[in-house]
């Protein structure tokens, strides 16, 4: 039986560990390796492993490339002890080839880290040692600094981990995606240890769409498997019994298949009476989002979508450990607000990520410094500030004397659409206040400008990246202490303040700005907010981005803000 307990990592190992076939390799060895590669691509892992073993035998057990190929197959098929052993053999076989030896150390360190679930697990120490050895063997292996940083954060050694991640960011050769992941880890190390599930949205075989938002408030068990996987088939009877045990509780089981033959998958499901949601990931998108490389892999999400259990492989204690996790988090209520189902995005149809949010609910309204007395939320749109215009990449609003040049080639939302959305939000807030018998008027900013790379046909949906401006009549002053207090309240609600709220100026206007990192509809996002008072209105410019680099580029456009009124 093969058993591994691990937790979700970011991107601990970049690229394949297999490596190119060296020049001068024995033709028989090279042919067997090429045959194995072809079988591996077809997911015929048993035969691929046989081909690599044949190559290893022909090479008289001296080929590090063969061992790394075997590592890849064994890791994917769930035979993790064998994978660890073959990575160790690859180090020995590499000899004077320091690049290959470093890659083997890195591969072994990565897998050891994958096999851990607690900061005190001794495998993390082993992983750290292997990764440091990779760096010592090949100091130019930049990705090893990233790996080491993540391993140290998982051990709750945040200062050391952040130092390694900063070294990675400062080193040449890092790819943009991994640099972005490093910056997110630096900003919120706890998320390395307790990560949120990536955003997902798909429709299983039964036709009922599933997403983070739809499953919020329930404990979710994700089973990543394949009909081709012997360990998956071995574990299936236990999974069936576990699903029956929790069928009448607030637990949803979802199986995501890595198969590429839909009919074989359907036949297997019917034959084995797998009557819970089943999805075949033909595009591989869900598997990539969850960083699934070994089968089976089981993930348990709590009611807020936080990953609380992550295990690759299956062993005698798997069912008990999974049940213990389910029971523990069934007892706890969800603490985060769910996405608004009325505006939750459908499955993404474009490269831009989307988050469900009203034009005010997740931005300026969340930081409104105070409310004024009255009889309820006004549900009419202020016609004066809703009358802005867009021309040649510039937004202008004569009522508040504002102009802003948004990013080139971005598409601005129609002003009438924005006004309708603002009225919809105001009406909804007024209805809730009336139902609650509230006697306080809430000042609700109106979305007066919104733009994104591909535009949006629904201004209630914020895309990433995007820029938005809101405005509301404001009865009093706004100073840096009030702004900082609002920033701290926003942090307490789930958007982590990065750095501190600051004060600067644009002409005669005092401007306050802050940067946050958090999630919206379970999508990790960066958010910047810039506020000022002009002619009796509180004006807020905000940016949403997928990475700090992207946010910095957007924030630079704030330099084009201009005001013609005090």
Protein backbone atom coordinates (compact mmCIF):
# COMPACT_ATOMS: atom_id res chain seq x y z
CA UNK A 1 0.00 0.00 0.00
CA UNK A 2 1.28 3.46 -0.88
CA UNK A 3 0.45 6.33 1.43
CA UNK A 4 1.48 9.94 1.34
CA UNK A 5 0.16 12.90 3.32
CA UNK A 6 0.94 16.32 1.92
CA UNK A 7 -0.40 19.85 1.77
CA UNK A 8 -0.96 22.12 -1.18
CA UNK A 9 2.26 23.74 -2.40
CA UNK A 10 2.60 26.67 -4.73
CA UNK A 11 4.98 25.73 -7.57
CA UNK A 12 7.72 23.78 -5.94
CA UNK A 13 9.17 22.25 -9.05
CA UNK A 14 9.26 23.93 -12.43
CA UNK A 15 9.30 21.83 -15.55
CA UNK A 16 9.99 18.15 -16.12
CA UNK A 17 12.60 16.27 -14.15
CA UNK A 18 13.19 13.94 -17.04
CA UNK A 19 15.80 15.92 -18.95
CA UNK A 20 17.04 15.50 -22.49
CA UNK A 21 18.71 12.30 -23.64
CA UNK A 22 22.46 13.05 -23.57
CA UNK A 23 24.46 13.12 -26.80
CA UNK A 24 26.35 9.87 -27.28
CA UNK A 25 23.81 7.82 -25.36
CA UNK A 26 23.78 4.15 -26.36
CA UNK A 27 21.24 3.80 -29.25
CA UNK A 28 19.41 0.99 -27.48
CA UNK A 29 19.09 3.06 -24.31
CA UNK A 30 17.96 6.11 -26.26
CA UNK A 31 15.38 4.06 -28.17
CA UNK A 32 13.94 2.56 -24.96
CA UNK A 33 13.74 6.01 -23.35
CA UNK A 34 11.99 7.44 -26.42
CA UNK A 35 9.52 4.56 -26.35
CA UNK A 36 8.86 5.23 -22.68
CA UNK A 37 8.30 8.93 -23.39
CA UNK A 38 5.72 8.07 -26.04
CA UNK A 39 3.88 5.71 -23.68
CA UNK A 40 4.04 8.27 -20.86
CA UNK A 41 2.37 10.86 -23.10
CA UNK A 42 -0.45 8.36 -23.73
CA UNK A 43 -0.89 7.80 -19.95
CA UNK A 44 0.16 4.16 -20.36
CA UNK A 45 2.28 4.38 -17.23
CA UNK A 46 2.86 0.68 -16.60
CA UNK A 47 4.34 0.15 -20.06
CA UNK A 48 6.24 3.45 -19.86
CA UNK A 49 7.86 2.31 -16.62
CA UNK A 50 8.75 -1.03 -18.24
CA UNK A 51 10.44 0.84 -21.11
CA UNK A 52 12.44 3.04 -18.73
CA UNK A 53 13.49 0.00 -16.71
CA UNK A 54 14.65 -1.66 -19.91
CA UNK A 55 16.71 1.45 -20.71
CA UNK A 56 18.13 1.42 -17.18
CA UNK A 57 19.17 -2.20 -17.56
CA UNK A 58 20.79 -1.54 -20.95
CA UNK A 59 22.65 1.39 -19.37
CA UNK A 60 23.91 -0.94 -16.63
CA UNK A 61 22.13 1.22 -14.00
CA UNK A 62 24.37 4.23 -14.69
CA UNK A 63 21.92 6.60 -16.40
CA UNK A 64 20.58 9.44 -14.25
CA UNK A 65 18.17 10.27 -17.08
CA UNK A 66 16.58 6.81 -16.76
CA UNK A 67 16.15 7.21 -13.02
CA UNK A 68 14.58 10.65 -13.41
CA UNK A 69 12.20 9.27 -16.04
CA UNK A 70 11.21 6.53 -13.60
CA UNK A 71 10.77 9.13 -10.87
CA UNK A 72 8.27 10.98 -13.10
CA UNK A 73 6.16 7.86 -13.74
CA UNK A 74 6.24 6.60 -10.16
CA UNK A 75 5.31 9.99 -8.76
CA UNK A 76 2.40 10.35 -11.15
CA UNK A 77 1.12 6.83 -10.50
CA UNK A 78 1.33 7.25 -6.72
CA UNK A 79 4.31 4.98 -5.99
CA UNK A 80 6.05 7.72 -4.04
CA UNK A 81 8.51 5.60 -2.01
CA UNK A 82 9.86 4.18 -5.28
CA UNK A 83 10.06 7.70 -6.73
CA UNK A 84 12.13 8.90 -3.76
CA UNK A 85 14.48 5.97 -4.14
CA UNK A 86 14.95 6.55 -7.87
CA UNK A 87 15.67 10.25 -7.30
CA UNK A 88 18.42 9.20 -4.87
CA UNK A 89 19.81 6.78 -7.47
CA UNK A 90 19.76 9.60 -10.05
CA UNK A 91 22.03 11.69 -7.80
CA UNK A 92 24.55 8.85 -7.60
CA UNK A 93 24.35 8.11 -11.33
CA UNK A 94 24.83 11.77 -12.28
CA UNK A 95 28.48 11.63 -11.24
CA UNK A 96 30.31 14.73 -12.40
CA UNK A 97 27.25 16.14 -14.19
CA UNK A 98 26.41 18.72 -11.54
CA UNK A 99 23.38 20.07 -13.41
CA UNK A 100 21.66 16.68 -13.50
CA UNK A 101 22.65 15.93 -9.91
CA UNK A 102 21.15 19.25 -8.78
CA UNK A 103 17.94 18.47 -10.67
CA UNK A 104 17.72 15.09 -8.92
CA UNK A 105 18.24 16.70 -5.49
CA UNK A 106 15.57 19.25 -6.31
CA UNK A 107 13.15 16.55 -7.47
CA UNK A 108 13.62 14.57 -4.27
CA UNK A 109 13.27 17.67 -2.11
CA UNK A 110 10.08 18.64 -3.93
CA UNK A 111 8.49 15.23 -3.41
CA UNK A 112 9.45 15.13 0.28
CA UNK A 113 7.77 18.51 0.76
CA UNK A 114 4.68 17.20 -1.04
CA UNK A 115 4.51 14.33 1.42
CA UNK A 116 4.11 16.49 4.51
CA UNK A 117 1.06 17.83 6.35
CA UNK A 118 2.53 19.43 9.49
CA UNK A 119 5.19 22.11 10.05
CA UNK A 120 7.04 19.70 12.36
CA UNK A 121 7.12 16.78 9.90
CA UNK A 122 10.70 15.52 9.63
CA UNK A 123 10.27 15.19 5.86
CA UNK A 124 10.30 18.98 5.62
CA UNK A 125 13.77 18.98 7.17
CA UNK A 126 14.84 16.35 4.63
CA UNK A 127 13.28 18.44 1.86
CA UNK A 128 15.17 21.51 3.06
CA UNK A 129 18.44 19.57 3.10
CA UNK A 130 17.89 18.21 -0.43
CA UNK A 131 17.00 21.65 -1.79
CA UNK A 132 20.03 23.26 -0.16
CA UNK A 133 22.16 20.49 -1.68
CA UNK A 134 20.68 21.30 -5.10
CA UNK A 135 21.78 24.92 -4.65
CA UNK A 136 25.22 23.90 -3.44
CA UNK A 137 25.62 21.58 -6.44
CA UNK A 138 24.38 24.14 -8.96
CA UNK A 139 24.25 27.70 -7.55
CA UNK A 140 22.73 28.89 -10.81
CA UNK A 141 19.54 26.85 -10.27
CA UNK A 142 17.38 29.87 -9.46
CA UNK A 143 14.13 27.95 -8.95
CA UNK A 144 15.73 26.19 -5.95
CA UNK A 145 15.58 29.49 -4.01
CA UNK A 146 11.83 29.53 -4.61
CA UNK A 147 11.47 25.91 -3.52
CA UNK A 148 13.57 26.50 -0.42
CA UNK A 149 11.57 29.59 0.49
CA UNK A 150 8.29 27.66 0.33
CA UNK A 151 9.71 24.77 2.37
CA UNK A 152 10.87 27.21 5.06
CA UNK A 153 7.47 28.93 5.15
CA UNK A 154 5.83 25.54 5.58
CA UNK A 155 8.04 25.06 8.63
CA UNK A 156 6.77 28.41 9.99
CA UNK A 157 10.24 29.91 9.53
CA UNK A 158 8.81 32.95 7.80
CA UNK A 159 11.80 35.31 8.01
CA UNK A 160 14.15 32.74 6.44
CA UNK A 161 11.57 31.76 3.84
CA UNK A 162 10.89 35.34 2.81
CA UNK A 163 14.63 35.97 2.46
CA UNK A 164 14.94 33.03 0.04
CA UNK A 165 11.91 34.16 -1.95
CA UNK A 166 13.36 37.66 -2.24
CA UNK A 167 16.61 36.13 -3.48
CA UNK A 168 14.62 34.25 -6.12
CA UNK A 169 12.79 37.42 -7.20
CA UNK A 170 16.05 39.38 -7.45
CA UNK A 171 17.81 36.67 -9.47
CA UNK A 172 17.74 36.72 -13.30
CA UNK A 173 15.85 34.00 -15.13
CA UNK A 174 12.73 33.67 -12.97
CA UNK A 175 9.47 33.39 -14.91
CA UNK A 176 6.74 35.97 -14.31
CA UNK A 177 4.18 33.49 -12.96
CA UNK A 178 6.51 32.05 -10.32
CA UNK A 179 7.71 35.51 -9.33
CA UNK A 180 4.07 36.45 -8.80
CA UNK A 181 3.55 33.36 -6.64
CA UNK A 182 6.66 34.28 -4.62
CA UNK A 183 5.34 37.76 -3.96
CA UNK A 184 2.00 36.39 -2.84
CA UNK A 185 3.74 34.02 -0.45
CA UNK A 186 5.81 36.90 0.95
CA UNK A 187 2.68 38.98 1.47
CA UNK A 188 0.78 36.18 3.23
CA UNK A 189 2.99 33.28 4.42
CA UNK A 190 0.09 31.66 6.28
CA UNK A 191 -1.56 30.91 2.93
CA UNK A 192 1.33 28.60 2.07
CA UNK A 193 0.38 26.50 5.08
CA UNK A 194 -3.41 26.90 4.75
CA UNK A 195 -4.08 27.81 1.12
CA UNK A 196 -7.43 28.69 -0.36
CA UNK A 197 -8.56 26.39 -3.12
CA UNK A 198 -8.01 27.90 -6.56
CA UNK A 199 -11.06 29.29 -8.27
CA UNK A 200 -12.93 26.59 -10.19
CA UNK A 201 -16.12 26.28 -12.18
CA UNK A 202 -17.18 23.22 -14.19
CA UNK A 203 -20.22 21.09 -14.99
CA UNK A 204 -20.10 17.41 -13.96
CA UNK A 205 -21.80 14.53 -15.76
CA UNK A 206 -25.14 15.14 -14.00
CA UNK A 207 -25.40 18.64 -15.51
CA UNK A 208 -25.37 20.61 -12.23
CA UNK A 209 -22.69 23.36 -12.38
CA UNK A 210 -20.18 23.37 -9.52
CA UNK A 211 -17.95 26.24 -8.39
CA UNK A 212 -16.37 27.71 -5.28
CA UNK A 213 -19.40 29.92 -4.79
CA UNK A 214 -21.95 27.13 -5.27
CA UNK A 215 -20.16 24.94 -2.70
CA UNK A 216 -19.49 27.67 -0.12
CA UNK A 217 -20.73 26.63 3.33
CA UNK A 218 -20.23 22.91 2.65
CA UNK A 219 -17.27 20.65 3.33
CA UNK A 220 -15.97 19.45 -0.04
CA UNK A 221 -14.03 16.26 -0.80
CA UNK A 222 -12.22 16.38 -4.14
CA UNK A 223 -11.05 13.06 -5.57
CA UNK A 224 -8.54 13.35 -8.42
CA UNK A 225 -8.23 9.98 -10.14
CA UNK A 226 -8.17 8.03 -13.41
CA UNK A 227 -9.56 4.74 -14.64
CA UNK A 228 -6.01 3.91 -15.76
CA UNK A 229 -4.69 4.23 -12.19
CA UNK A 230 -4.37 0.92 -10.27
CA UNK A 231 -4.19 2.63 -6.87
CA UNK A 232 -7.34 4.64 -7.71
CA UNK A 233 -9.21 1.44 -8.54
CA UNK A 234 -7.91 -0.18 -5.35
CA UNK A 235 -9.11 2.75 -3.25
CA UNK A 236 -12.54 3.09 -4.89
CA UNK A 237 -14.57 0.77 -2.57
CA UNK A 238 -13.42 2.75 0.45
CA UNK A 239 -14.29 6.03 -1.25
CA UNK A 240 -17.76 4.69 -2.06
CA UNK A 241 -18.31 3.80 1.61
CA UNK A 242 -17.00 7.18 2.78
CA UNK A 243 -19.36 8.97 0.41
CA UNK A 244 -22.32 6.94 1.68
CA UNK A 245 -21.39 7.80 5.28
CA UNK A 246 -21.68 11.55 4.63
CA UNK A 247 -24.43 11.49 2.02
CA UNK A 248 -27.02 13.11 4.30
CA UNK A 249 -24.63 15.67 5.82
CA UNK A 250 -23.33 18.98 4.50
CA UNK A 251 -20.53 17.30 2.58
CA UNK A 252 -20.13 17.21 -1.20
CA UNK A 253 -17.91 14.61 -2.89
CA UNK A 254 -16.62 15.47 -6.36
CA UNK A 255 -14.46 13.21 -8.50
CA UNK A 256 -12.30 14.80 -11.20
CA UNK A 257 -10.92 12.33 -13.72
CA UNK A 258 -7.65 12.66 -15.63
CA UNK A 259 -8.87 10.25 -18.34
CA UNK A 260 -8.74 11.18 -22.01
CA UNK A 261 -11.31 8.61 -23.20
CA UNK A 262 -14.77 9.84 -22.25
CA UNK A 263 -16.61 6.62 -23.05
CA UNK A 264 -14.23 4.47 -21.01
CA UNK A 265 -14.72 6.91 -18.12
CA UNK A 266 -18.53 6.79 -18.40
CA UNK A 267 -18.57 3.00 -18.55
CA UNK A 268 -16.37 2.75 -15.45
CA UNK A 269 -18.58 5.17 -13.49
CA UNK A 270 -21.75 3.25 -14.39
CA UNK A 271 -20.23 -0.13 -13.64
CA UNK A 272 -18.97 0.96 -10.22
CA UNK A 273 -22.10 2.94 -9.23
CA UNK A 274 -20.21 6.20 -8.63
CA UNK A 275 -23.36 8.22 -8.03
CA UNK A 276 -21.82 11.50 -6.81
CA UNK A 277 -20.70 14.38 -9.10
CA UNK A 278 -18.25 13.15 -11.73
CA UNK A 279 -16.21 15.35 -14.07
CA UNK A 280 -13.71 14.41 -16.76
CA UNK A 281 -11.09 17.13 -17.11
CA UNK A 282 -10.31 16.69 -20.81
CA UNK A 283 -8.65 20.11 -21.03
CA UNK A 284 -6.58 19.50 -17.87
CA UNK A 285 -7.49 22.94 -16.53
CA UNK A 286 -8.79 21.85 -13.13
CA UNK A 287 -5.86 19.47 -12.63
CA UNK A 288 -3.41 22.28 -13.43
CA UNK A 289 -5.18 24.74 -11.13
CA UNK A 290 -4.92 22.31 -8.21
CA UNK A 291 -1.35 21.32 -9.22
CA UNK A 292 -2.25 17.62 -9.42
CA UNK A 293 0.65 15.42 -10.51
CA UNK A 294 0.03 12.18 -8.57
CA UNK A 295 -3.00 9.88 -8.52
CA UNK A 296 -5.10 9.40 -6.56
CA UNK A 297 -5.01 12.74 -4.77
CA UNK A 298 -7.61 13.63 -2.15
CA UNK A 299 -8.31 17.21 -1.06
CA UNK A 300 -10.74 18.29 1.66
CA UNK A 301 -11.95 21.91 1.68
CA UNK A 302 -13.55 23.46 4.75
CA UNK A 303 -16.73 25.52 4.49
CA UNK A 304 -14.72 28.60 3.46
CA UNK A 305 -12.81 26.81 0.69
CA UNK A 306 -9.54 26.50 2.65
CA UNK A 307 -7.57 23.32 1.91
CA UNK A 308 -7.42 21.36 5.17
CA UNK A 309 -6.30 17.97 3.87
CA UNK A 310 -4.19 17.06 0.84
CA UNK A 311 -2.96 13.53 0.28
CA UNK A 312 -1.48 11.79 -2.73
CA UNK A 313 -1.59 8.00 -2.80
CA UNK A 314 -3.70 5.70 -0.68
CA UNK A 315 -2.94 3.70 2.45
CA UNK A 316 -4.53 1.98 5.45
CA UNK A 317 -5.05 5.22 7.36
CA UNK A 318 -6.28 7.35 4.46
CA UNK A 319 -10.00 6.86 5.11
CA UNK A 320 -9.68 7.54 8.83
CA UNK A 321 -7.60 10.68 8.32
CA UNK A 322 -9.99 11.99 5.71
CA UNK A 323 -13.01 11.27 7.93
CA UNK A 324 -11.35 13.01 10.89
CA UNK A 325 -10.81 16.12 8.75
CA UNK A 326 -14.40 16.08 7.48
CA UNK A 327 -15.78 15.67 11.00
CA UNK A 328 -13.61 18.46 12.41
CA UNK A 329 -14.74 21.02 9.86
CA UNK A 330 -18.36 19.92 9.77
CA UNK A 331 -18.52 21.28 13.32
CA UNK A 332 -17.32 24.72 12.25
CA UNK A 333 -19.43 27.31 10.48
CA UNK A 334 -18.25 29.26 7.47
CA UNK A 335 -16.59 32.50 8.51
CA UNK A 336 -16.12 34.15 5.11
CA UNK A 337 -18.88 35.77 3.10
CA UNK A 338 -19.92 33.70 0.08
CA UNK A 339 -19.84 35.17 -3.42
CA UNK A 340 -23.10 36.84 -4.46
CA UNK A 341 -24.90 34.15 -6.49
CA UNK A 342 -26.81 36.77 -8.43
CA UNK A 343 -23.62 38.02 -10.04
CA UNK A 344 -21.27 35.02 -9.71
CA UNK A 345 -19.36 34.45 -12.95
CA UNK A 346 -19.98 31.48 -15.15
CA UNK A 347 -17.12 29.28 -16.27
CA UNK A 348 -14.38 31.54 -17.56
CA UNK A 349 -14.52 31.96 -21.32
CA UNK A 350 -11.58 34.35 -21.62
CA UNK A 351 -8.07 34.60 -20.15
CA UNK A 352 -9.19 37.29 -17.70
CA UNK A 353 -10.24 35.98 -14.32
CA UNK A 354 -13.54 37.28 -12.96
CA UNK A 355 -14.76 37.97 -9.47
CA UNK A 356 -18.32 38.53 -8.34
CA UNK A 357 -18.75 41.96 -6.83
CA UNK A 358 -21.07 44.93 -7.02
CA UNK A 359 -19.62 48.28 -8.11
CA UNK A 360 -19.52 49.31 -4.47
CA UNK A 361 -19.82 46.29 -2.23
CA UNK A 362 -16.19 45.19 -2.50
CA UNK A 363 -14.56 48.56 -2.96
CA UNK A 364 -15.37 52.08 -1.90
CA UNK A 365 -18.42 51.17 0.16
CA UNK A 366 -16.32 48.85 2.26
CA UNK A 367 -14.14 51.80 3.20
CA UNK A 368 -16.83 54.47 3.59
CA UNK A 369 -15.70 56.26 6.75
CA UNK A 370 -19.11 56.91 8.24
CA UNK A 371 -22.84 56.97 7.69
CA UNK A 372 -25.08 59.96 8.14
CA UNK A 373 -28.49 59.95 9.83
CA UNK A 374 -31.54 59.57 7.68
CA UNK A 375 -34.29 57.19 6.76
CA UNK A 376 -32.58 54.65 4.56
CA UNK A 377 -30.40 54.17 1.48
CA UNK A 378 -31.28 56.40 -1.40
CA UNK A 379 -32.12 54.33 -4.47
CA UNK A 380 -31.79 57.06 -7.11
CA UNK A 381 -28.64 57.61 -9.12
CA UNK A 382 -27.05 61.06 -8.82
CA UNK A 383 -27.45 62.33 -12.42
CA UNK A 384 -24.73 64.94 -12.05
CA UNK A 385 -21.84 62.57 -11.40
CA UNK A 386 -23.21 59.85 -13.70
CA UNK A 387 -22.75 62.08 -16.74
CA UNK A 388 -19.11 61.33 -17.52
CA UNK A 389 -17.74 60.64 -20.99
CA UNK A 390 -15.00 58.56 -22.62
CA UNK A 391 -13.00 59.71 -25.62
CA UNK A 392 -9.67 58.55 -26.99
CA UNK A 393 -8.71 56.54 -23.91
CA UNK A 394 -9.57 59.35 -21.48
CA UNK A 395 -12.44 59.46 -19.01
CA UNK A 396 -13.73 62.94 -18.13
CA UNK A 397 -16.34 64.05 -15.62
CA UNK A 398 -17.08 67.78 -15.72
CA UNK A 399 -19.25 67.74 -12.59
CA UNK A 400 -16.36 66.83 -10.31
CA UNK A 401 -13.68 68.19 -12.63
CA UNK A 402 -11.91 64.86 -13.05
CA UNK A 403 -10.00 63.33 -15.95
CA UNK A 404 -8.16 59.98 -16.11
CA UNK A 405 -6.27 58.25 -18.92
CA UNK A 406 -6.91 54.52 -18.62
CA UNK A 407 -4.60 51.80 -20.03
CA UNK A 408 -4.21 51.69 -23.79
CA UNK A 409 -6.57 49.35 -25.69
CA UNK A 410 -8.78 48.79 -22.64
CA UNK A 411 -12.55 49.01 -23.12
CA UNK A 412 -14.65 51.32 -20.94
CA UNK A 413 -18.11 50.28 -19.80
CA UNK A 414 -21.15 52.12 -21.12
CA UNK A 415 -22.19 54.96 -18.80
CA UNK A 416 -25.85 53.98 -18.90
CA UNK A 417 -24.92 50.44 -17.87
CA UNK A 418 -22.96 51.75 -14.90
CA UNK A 419 -25.84 53.98 -13.82
CA UNK A 420 -28.29 51.06 -14.02
CA UNK A 421 -25.95 48.90 -11.94
CA UNK A 422 -25.58 51.58 -9.28
CA UNK A 423 -29.35 51.98 -9.07
CA UNK A 424 -29.72 48.20 -8.73
CA UNK A 425 -27.25 48.15 -5.83
CA UNK A 426 -28.92 51.09 -4.08
CA UNK A 427 -32.35 49.48 -4.41
CA UNK A 428 -31.03 46.20 -2.98
CA UNK A 429 -29.44 47.96 0.02
CA UNK A 430 -32.61 49.97 0.64
CA UNK A 431 -34.66 46.77 0.58
CA UNK A 432 -32.37 45.11 3.11
CA UNK A 433 -32.48 48.16 5.37
CA UNK A 434 -36.24 48.31 5.21
CA UNK A 435 -36.51 44.62 6.08
CA UNK A 436 -34.17 45.16 9.04
CA UNK A 437 -35.99 48.30 10.21
CA UNK A 438 -32.78 50.35 9.95
CA UNK A 439 -32.99 54.11 10.51
CA UNK A 440 -29.52 55.07 9.24
CA UNK A 441 -28.84 56.34 5.75
CA UNK A 442 -25.93 54.56 4.08
CA UNK A 443 -23.83 56.60 1.68
CA UNK A 444 -23.39 54.34 -1.32
CA UNK A 445 -20.74 55.34 -3.88
CA UNK A 446 -21.80 55.15 -7.50
CA UNK A 447 -19.69 53.47 -10.15
CA UNK A 448 -18.99 56.26 -12.66
CA UNK A 449 -16.20 54.58 -14.63
CA UNK A 450 -15.08 51.02 -15.28
CA UNK A 451 -12.60 49.61 -17.82
CA UNK A 452 -10.88 46.29 -18.49
CA UNK A 453 -8.79 44.74 -21.31
CA UNK A 454 -11.82 43.06 -22.87
CA UNK A 455 -14.50 45.25 -21.36
CA UNK A 456 -17.51 43.88 -19.51
CA UNK A 457 -21.17 43.50 -20.38
CA UNK A 458 -22.02 43.43 -16.68
CA UNK A 459 -20.67 46.17 -14.43
CA UNK A 460 -21.61 44.12 -11.38
CA UNK A 461 -18.78 41.79 -12.31
CA UNK A 462 -15.24 42.93 -11.65
CA UNK A 463 -12.64 41.38 -13.92
CA UNK A 464 -8.95 41.00 -13.22
CA UNK A 465 -7.27 43.22 -14.30
CA UNK A 466 -9.56 46.26 -14.23
CA UNK A 467 -9.85 49.90 -13.15
CA UNK A 468 -12.88 51.56 -11.60
CA UNK A 469 -13.88 54.97 -10.26
CA UNK A 470 -16.69 55.57 -7.78
CA UNK A 471 -18.01 58.81 -6.30
CA UNK A 472 -20.43 59.86 -3.58
CA UNK A 473 -21.41 63.19 -2.03
CA UNK A 474 -19.43 63.52 1.19
CA UNK A 475 -20.51 65.66 4.15
CA UNK A 476 -17.22 66.08 5.99
CA UNK A 477 -13.42 65.91 5.82
CA UNK A 478 -11.28 62.84 5.21
CA UNK A 479 -7.83 62.67 6.79
CA UNK A 480 -5.07 60.08 6.86
CA UNK A 481 -6.05 58.73 10.28
CA UNK A 482 -9.61 58.06 9.13
CA UNK A 483 -8.31 56.49 5.94
CA UNK A 484 -5.91 54.26 7.91
CA UNK A 485 -8.72 53.24 10.22
CA UNK A 486 -10.81 52.24 7.20
CA UNK A 487 -7.83 50.31 5.81
CA UNK A 488 -7.51 48.36 9.06
CA UNK A 489 -11.24 47.56 9.02
CA UNK A 490 -10.90 46.31 5.48
CA UNK A 491 -7.98 44.11 6.58
CA UNK A 492 -10.10 42.69 9.39
CA UNK A 493 -12.74 41.74 6.82
CA UNK A 494 -10.33 39.61 4.81
CA UNK A 495 -8.33 41.97 2.53
CA UNK A 496 -4.82 42.07 3.96
CA UNK A 497 -3.20 45.51 3.98
CA UNK A 498 0.24 45.32 2.32
CA UNK A 499 2.54 47.93 3.81
CA UNK A 500 0.71 50.94 5.25
CA UNK A 501 -1.90 53.42 4.08
CA UNK A 502 -0.13 56.55 2.83
CA UNK A 503 -0.81 60.18 1.98
CA UNK A 504 0.42 62.14 -1.06
CA UNK A 505 -0.91 64.87 -3.33
CA UNK A 506 -2.11 65.58 -6.87
CA UNK A 507 -1.99 69.31 -7.41
CA UNK A 508 -3.93 70.90 -4.53
CA UNK A 509 -5.70 67.64 -3.70
CA UNK A 510 -4.56 65.46 -0.81
CA UNK A 511 -4.68 61.83 -1.94
CA UNK A 512 -4.78 58.70 0.25
CA UNK A 513 -3.76 55.30 -1.10
CA UNK A 514 -3.42 51.71 0.12
CA UNK A 515 -2.63 48.27 -1.34
CA UNK A 516 -4.27 44.99 -0.33
CA UNK A 517 -3.94 41.28 -1.03
CA UNK A 518 -6.89 38.97 -0.56
CA UNK A 519 -9.58 36.96 -2.31
CA UNK A 520 -12.79 37.78 -4.09
CA UNK A 521 -15.05 34.85 -4.98
CA UNK A 522 -12.08 32.66 -3.94
CA UNK A 523 -9.75 34.25 -6.50
CA UNK A 524 -6.50 35.57 -5.06
CA UNK A 525 -6.13 39.18 -6.17
CA UNK A 526 -4.20 42.41 -5.56
CA UNK A 527 -6.19 45.56 -4.99
CA UNK A 528 -5.15 49.22 -4.81
CA UNK A 529 -7.33 52.09 -3.65
CA UNK A 530 -6.77 55.82 -4.15
CA UNK A 531 -9.15 58.34 -2.54
CA UNK A 532 -9.54 62.09 -2.50
CA UNK A 533 -12.19 64.76 -1.94
CA UNK A 534 -13.13 67.08 -4.79
CA UNK A 535 -15.95 69.63 -4.87
CA UNK A 536 -17.85 67.87 -2.11
CA UNK A 537 -17.49 64.34 -3.51
CA UNK A 538 -15.44 61.44 -2.20
CA UNK A 539 -13.82 59.98 -5.31
CA UNK A 540 -12.18 56.54 -5.28
CA UNK A 541 -9.99 55.09 -8.02
CA UNK A 542 -9.34 51.39 -7.60
CA UNK A 543 -7.36 48.77 -9.47
CA UNK A 544 -7.73 44.97 -9.43
CA UNK A 545 -4.82 42.80 -10.60
CA UNK A 546 -3.61 39.20 -10.55
CA UNK A 547 -0.05 40.04 -9.47
CA UNK A 548 1.94 42.78 -7.77
CA UNK A 549 3.75 43.59 -11.03
CA UNK A 550 0.45 43.99 -12.84
CA UNK A 551 -0.89 46.15 -10.00
CA UNK A 552 2.20 48.38 -10.11
CA UNK A 553 1.72 48.92 -13.85
CA UNK A 554 -1.92 49.88 -13.32
CA UNK A 555 -1.13 52.14 -10.36
CA UNK A 556 1.29 54.06 -12.59
CA UNK A 557 -1.70 55.23 -14.64
CA UNK A 558 -2.95 57.09 -11.55
CA UNK A 559 -0.34 59.71 -12.44
CA UNK A 560 -2.69 60.79 -15.25
CA UNK A 561 -5.41 61.78 -12.75
CA UNK A 562 -6.17 65.48 -12.97
CA UNK A 563 -8.68 67.70 -11.18
CA UNK A 564 -9.97 71.09 -12.35
CA UNK A 565 -11.96 71.78 -9.17
CA UNK A 566 -10.73 72.09 -5.57
